[in-house]
Amino acid sequence: MRNLFLECNAGISGDMLVAAMLDMGADRSVLKQALLSIPAKGFMYKISRVD
């Protein structure tokens, strides 16, 4: 089991948190399932590396 502790007293950016978690090895398929469960239309996502 792995634990992750976040201290976000100054706030945190959701997209940057998700990217950091993917870099640490989070399962992309779990992220995809979570995003597909949101009852919203007209959005898309793309996972890629940038410099």
PDB file of N, CA and C in Angstrom:
ATOM      1  N   MET A   1       0.846  -1.176   0.000  1.00  0.00           N
ATOM      2  CA  MET A   1       0.000   0.000   0.000  1.00  0.00           C
ATOM      3  C   MET A   1       0.890   1.237   0.000  1.00  0.00           C
ATOM      4  N   ARG A   2       0.502   2.222  -0.771  1.00  0.00           N
ATOM      5  CA  ARG A   2       1.209   3.496  -0.827  1.00  0.00           C
ATOM      6  C   ARG A   2       0.313   4.592  -0.288  1.00  0.00           C
ATOM      7  N   ASN A   3       0.909   5.523   0.373  1.00  0.00           N
ATOM      8  CA  ASN A   3       0.166   6.670   0.903  1.00  0.00           C
ATOM      9  C   ASN A   3       0.693   7.943   0.266  1.00  0.00           C
ATOM     10  N   LEU A   4      -0.208   8.862   0.049  1.00  0.00           N
ATOM     11  CA  LEU A   4       0.144  10.168  -0.481  1.00  0.00           C
ATOM     12  C   LEU A   4      -0.495  11.210   0.418  1.00  0.00           C
ATOM     13  N   PHE A   5       0.329  12.076   0.966  1.00  0.00           N
ATOM     14  CA  PHE A   5      -0.157  13.148   1.819  1.00  0.00           C
ATOM     15  C   PHE A   5       0.023  14.466   1.088  1.00  0.00           C
ATOM     16  N   LEU A   6      -1.037  15.244   0.996  1.00  0.00           N
ATOM     17  CA  LEU A   6      -0.995  16.545   0.331  1.00  0.00           C
ATOM     18  C   LEU A   6      -1.256  17.635   1.359  1.00  0.00           C
ATOM     19  N   GLU A   7      -0.412  18.628   1.358  1.00  0.00           N
ATOM     20  CA  GLU A   7      -0.649  19.796   2.188  1.00  0.00           C
ATOM     21  C   GLU A   7      -0.935  20.950   1.238  1.00  0.00           C
ATOM     22  N   CYS A   8      -2.203  21.288   1.109  1.00  0.00           N
ATOM     23  CA  CYS A   8      -2.646  22.246   0.091  1.00  0.00           C
ATOM     24  C   CYS A   8      -3.177  23.524   0.722  1.00  0.00           C
ATOM     25  N   ASN A   9      -2.487  24.027   1.726  1.00  0.00           N
ATOM     26  CA  ASN A   9      -2.996  25.218   2.398  1.00  0.00           C
ATOM     27  C   ASN A   9      -2.942  26.459   1.519  1.00  0.00           C
ATOM     28  N   ALA A  10      -2.188  26.433   0.436  1.00  0.00           N
ATOM     29  CA  ALA A  10      -2.131  27.563  -0.486  1.00  0.00           C
ATOM     30  C   ALA A  10      -2.915  27.270  -1.769  1.00  0.00           C
ATOM     31  N   GLY A  11      -3.641  26.153  -1.793  1.00  0.00           N
ATOM     32  CA  GLY A  11      -4.411  25.778  -2.981  1.00  0.00           C
ATOM     33  C   GLY A  11      -3.649  24.780  -3.836  1.00  0.00           C
ATOM     34  N   ILE A  12      -4.343  24.217  -4.795  1.00  0.00           N
ATOM     35  CA  ILE A  12      -3.727  23.244  -5.687  1.00  0.00           C
ATOM     36  C   ILE A  12      -4.476  23.259  -7.019  1.00  0.00           C
ATOM     37  N   SER A  13      -3.750  23.073  -8.094  1.00  0.00           N
ATOM     38  CA  SER A  13      -4.336  23.038  -9.428  1.00  0.00           C
ATOM     39  C   SER A  13      -4.702  21.591  -9.761  1.00  0.00           C
ATOM     40  N   GLY A  14      -5.955  21.366 -10.113  1.00  0.00           N
ATOM     41  CA  GLY A  14      -6.417  20.009 -10.385  1.00  0.00           C
ATOM     42  C   GLY A  14      -5.690  19.324 -11.517  1.00  0.00           C
ATOM     43  N   ASP A  15      -5.469  20.038 -12.618  1.00  0.00           N
ATOM     44  CA  ASP A  15      -4.800  19.403 -13.755  1.00  0.00           C
ATOM     45  C   ASP A  15      -3.353  19.065 -13.430  1.00  0.00           C
ATOM     46  N   MET A  16      -2.694  19.918 -12.658  1.00  0.00           N
ATOM     47  CA  MET A  16      -1.307  19.640 -12.290  1.00  0.00           C
ATOM     48  C   MET A  16      -1.225  18.477 -11.296  1.00  0.00           C
ATOM     49  N   LEU A  17      -2.212  18.371 -10.412  1.00  0.00           N
ATOM     50  CA  LEU A  17      -2.250  17.245  -9.474  1.00  0.00           C
ATOM     51  C   LEU A  17      -2.433  15.931 -10.231  1.00  0.00           C
ATOM     52  N   VAL A  18      -3.356  15.913 -11.178  1.00  0.00           N
ATOM     53  CA  VAL A  18      -3.596  14.691 -11.964  1.00  0.00           C
ATOM     54  C   VAL A  18      -2.342  14.324 -12.750  1.00  0.00           C
ATOM     55  N   ALA A  19      -1.673  15.300 -13.349  1.00  0.00           N
ATOM     56  CA  ALA A  19      -0.448  15.026 -14.103  1.00  0.00           C
ATOM     57  C   ALA A  19       0.634  14.456 -13.188  1.00  0.00           C
ATOM     58  N   ALA A  20       0.775  15.025 -11.995  1.00  0.00           N
ATOM     59  CA  ALA A  20       1.780  14.524 -11.054  1.00  0.00           C
ATOM     60  C   ALA A  20       1.462  13.095 -10.633  1.00  0.00           C
ATOM     61  N   MET A  21       0.189  12.812 -10.410  1.00  0.00           N
ATOM     62  CA  MET A  21      -0.189  11.460 -10.014  1.00  0.00           C
ATOM     63  C   MET A  21       0.056  10.461 -11.140  1.00  0.00           C
ATOM     64  N   LEU A  22      -0.198  10.862 -12.385  1.00  0.00           N
ATOM     65  CA  LEU A  22       0.100   9.988 -13.517  1.00  0.00           C
ATOM     66  C   LEU A  22       1.603   9.747 -13.616  1.00  0.00           C
ATOM     67  N   ASP A  23       2.416  10.776 -13.371  1.00  0.00           N
ATOM     68  CA  ASP A  23       3.870  10.611 -13.379  1.00  0.00           C
ATOM     69  C   ASP A  23       4.327   9.651 -12.293  1.00  0.00           C
ATOM     70  N   MET A  24       3.588   9.602 -11.183  1.00  0.00           N
ATOM     71  CA  MET A  24       3.945   8.698 -10.083  1.00  0.00           C
ATOM     72  C   MET A  24       3.438   7.284 -10.307  1.00  0.00           C
ATOM     73  N   GLY A  25       2.679   7.074 -11.387  1.00  0.00           N
ATOM     74  CA  GLY A  25       2.246   5.723 -11.714  1.00  0.00           C
ATOM     75  C   GLY A  25       0.773   5.449 -11.573  1.00  0.00           C
ATOM     76  N   ALA A  26      -0.047   6.485 -11.409  1.00  0.00           N
ATOM     77  CA  ALA A  26      -1.491   6.270 -11.332  1.00  0.00           C
ATOM     78  C   ALA A  26      -1.989   5.597 -12.613  1.00  0.00           C
ATOM     79  N   ASP A  27      -3.002   4.801 -12.485  1.00  0.00           N
ATOM     80  CA  ASP A  27      -3.548   4.022 -13.600  1.00  0.00           C
ATOM     81  C   ASP A  27      -4.378   4.908 -14.523  1.00  0.00           C
ATOM     82  N   ARG A  28      -3.970   5.006 -15.772  1.00  0.00           N
ATOM     83  CA  ARG A  28      -4.688   5.849 -16.748  1.00  0.00           C
ATOM     84  C   ARG A  28      -6.103   5.351 -16.993  1.00  0.00           C
ATOM     85  N   SER A  29      -6.305   4.045 -16.956  1.00  0.00           N
ATOM     86  CA  SER A  29      -7.642   3.518 -17.219  1.00  0.00           C
ATOM     87  C   SER A  29      -8.611   3.899 -16.094  1.00  0.00           C
ATOM     88  N   VAL A  30      -8.122   3.998 -14.866  1.00  0.00           N
ATOM     89  CA  VAL A  30      -8.969   4.438 -13.761  1.00  0.00           C
ATOM     90  C   VAL A  30      -9.361   5.896 -13.961  1.00  0.00           C
ATOM     91  N   LEU A  31      -8.417   6.718 -14.400  1.00  0.00           N
ATOM     92  CA  LEU A  31      -8.713   8.121 -14.699  1.00  0.00           C
ATOM     93  C   LEU A  31      -9.766   8.212 -15.796  1.00  0.00           C
ATOM     94  N   LYS A  32      -9.613   7.412 -16.841  1.00  0.00           N
ATOM     95  CA  LYS A  32     -10.573   7.434 -17.946  1.00  0.00           C
ATOM     96  C   LYS A  32     -11.971   7.069 -17.457  1.00  0.00           C
ATOM     97  N   GLN A  33     -12.078   6.036 -16.627  1.00  0.00           N
ATOM     98  CA  GLN A  33     -13.389   5.632 -16.099  1.00  0.00           C
ATOM     99  C   GLN A  33     -14.003   6.751 -15.257  1.00  0.00           C
ATOM    100  N   ALA A  34     -13.175   7.399 -14.451  1.00  0.00           N
ATOM    101  CA  ALA A  34     -13.683   8.482 -13.609  1.00  0.00           C
ATOM    102  C   ALA A  34     -14.188   9.635 -14.471  1.00  0.00           C
ATOM    103  N   LEU A  35     -13.449   9.992 -15.514  1.00  0.00           N
ATOM    104  CA  LEU A  35     -13.873  11.087 -16.381  1.00  0.00           C
ATOM    105  C   LEU A  35     -15.146  10.735 -17.148  1.00  0.00           C
ATOM    106  N   LEU A  36     -15.258   9.485 -17.563  1.00  0.00           N
ATOM    107  CA  LEU A  36     -16.465   9.075 -18.291  1.00  0.00           C
ATOM    108  C   LEU A  36     -17.694   9.036 -17.389  1.00  0.00           C
ATOM    109  N   SER A  37     -17.505   8.975 -16.082  1.00  0.00           N
ATOM    110  CA  SER A  37     -18.639   8.940 -15.159  1.00  0.00           C
ATOM    111  C   SER A  37     -19.233  10.329 -14.916  1.00  0.00           C
ATOM    112  N   ILE A  38     -18.557  11.375 -15.376  1.00  0.00           N
ATOM    113  CA  ILE A  38     -19.053  12.738 -15.190  1.00  0.00           C
ATOM    114  C   ILE A  38     -20.157  12.999 -16.213  1.00  0.00           C
ATOM    115  N   PRO A  39     -21.348  13.389 -15.762  1.00  0.00           N
ATOM    116  CA  PRO A  39     -22.453  13.608 -16.699  1.00  0.00           C
ATOM    117  C   PRO A  39     -22.338  14.965 -17.409  1.00  0.00           C
ATOM    118  N   ALA A  40     -21.329  15.093 -18.244  1.00  0.00           N
ATOM    119  CA  ALA A  40     -21.117  16.343 -18.995  1.00  0.00           C
ATOM    120  C   ALA A  40     -20.775  15.982 -20.432  1.00  0.00           C
ATOM    121  N   LYS A  41     -21.153  16.845 -21.337  1.00  0.00           N
ATOM    122  CA  LYS A  41     -20.890  16.627 -22.762  1.00  0.00           C
ATOM    123  C   LYS A  41     -19.989  17.744 -23.282  1.00  0.00           C
ATOM    124  N   GLY A  42     -19.313  17.466 -24.374  1.00  0.00           N
ATOM    125  CA  GLY A  42     -18.559  18.504 -25.062  1.00  0.00           C
ATOM    126  C   GLY A  42     -17.151  18.740 -24.542  1.00  0.00           C
ATOM    127  N   PHE A  43     -16.580  17.766 -23.851  1.00  0.00           N
ATOM    128  CA  PHE A  43     -15.195  17.930 -23.435  1.00  0.00           C
ATOM    129  C   PHE A  43     -14.401  16.711 -23.877  1.00  0.00           C
ATOM    130  N   MET A  44     -13.116  16.889 -23.968  1.00  0.00           N
ATOM    131  CA  MET A  44     -12.220  15.793 -24.294  1.00  0.00           C
ATOM    132  C   MET A  44     -10.942  15.966 -23.491  1.00  0.00           C
ATOM    133  N   TYR A  45     -10.184  14.919 -23.382  1.00  0.00           N
ATOM    134  CA  TYR A  45      -8.919  14.992 -22.680  1.00  0.00           C
ATOM    135  C   TYR A  45      -7.866  14.265 -23.494  1.00  0.00           C
ATOM    136  N   LYS A  46      -6.625  14.630 -23.254  1.00  0.00           N
ATOM    137  CA  LYS A  46      -5.509  14.020 -23.946  1.00  0.00           C
ATOM    138  C   LYS A  46      -4.366  13.919 -22.957  1.00  0.00           C
ATOM    139  N   ILE A  47      -3.763  12.754 -22.857  1.00  0.00           N
ATOM    140  CA  ILE A  47      -2.614  12.552 -21.980  1.00  0.00           C
ATOM    141  C   ILE A  47      -1.382  12.469 -22.857  1.00  0.00           C
ATOM    142  N   SER A  48      -0.451  13.396 -22.650  1.00  0.00           N
ATOM    143  CA  SER A  48       0.784  13.401 -23.421  1.00  0.00           C
ATOM    144  C   SER A  48       1.867  14.110 -22.619  1.00  0.00           C
ATOM    145  N   ARG A  49       3.102  13.925 -23.017  1.00  0.00           N
ATOM    146  CA  ARG A  49       4.227  14.605 -22.393  1.00  0.00           C
ATOM    147  C   ARG A  49       4.584  15.839 -23.220  1.00  0.00           C
ATOM    148  N   VAL A  50       4.916  16.895 -22.526  1.00  0.00           N
ATOM    149  CA  VAL A  50       5.355  18.122 -23.200  1.00  0.00           C
ATOM    150  C   VAL A  50       6.614  18.637 -22.524  1.00  0.00           C
ATOM    151  N   ASP A  51       7.362  19.441 -23.232  1.00  0.00           N
ATOM    152  CA  ASP A  51       8.566  20.071 -22.676  1.00  0.00           C
ATOM    153  C   ASP A  51       8.278  21.495 -22.326  1.00  0.00           C
TER     154      ASP A  51
END
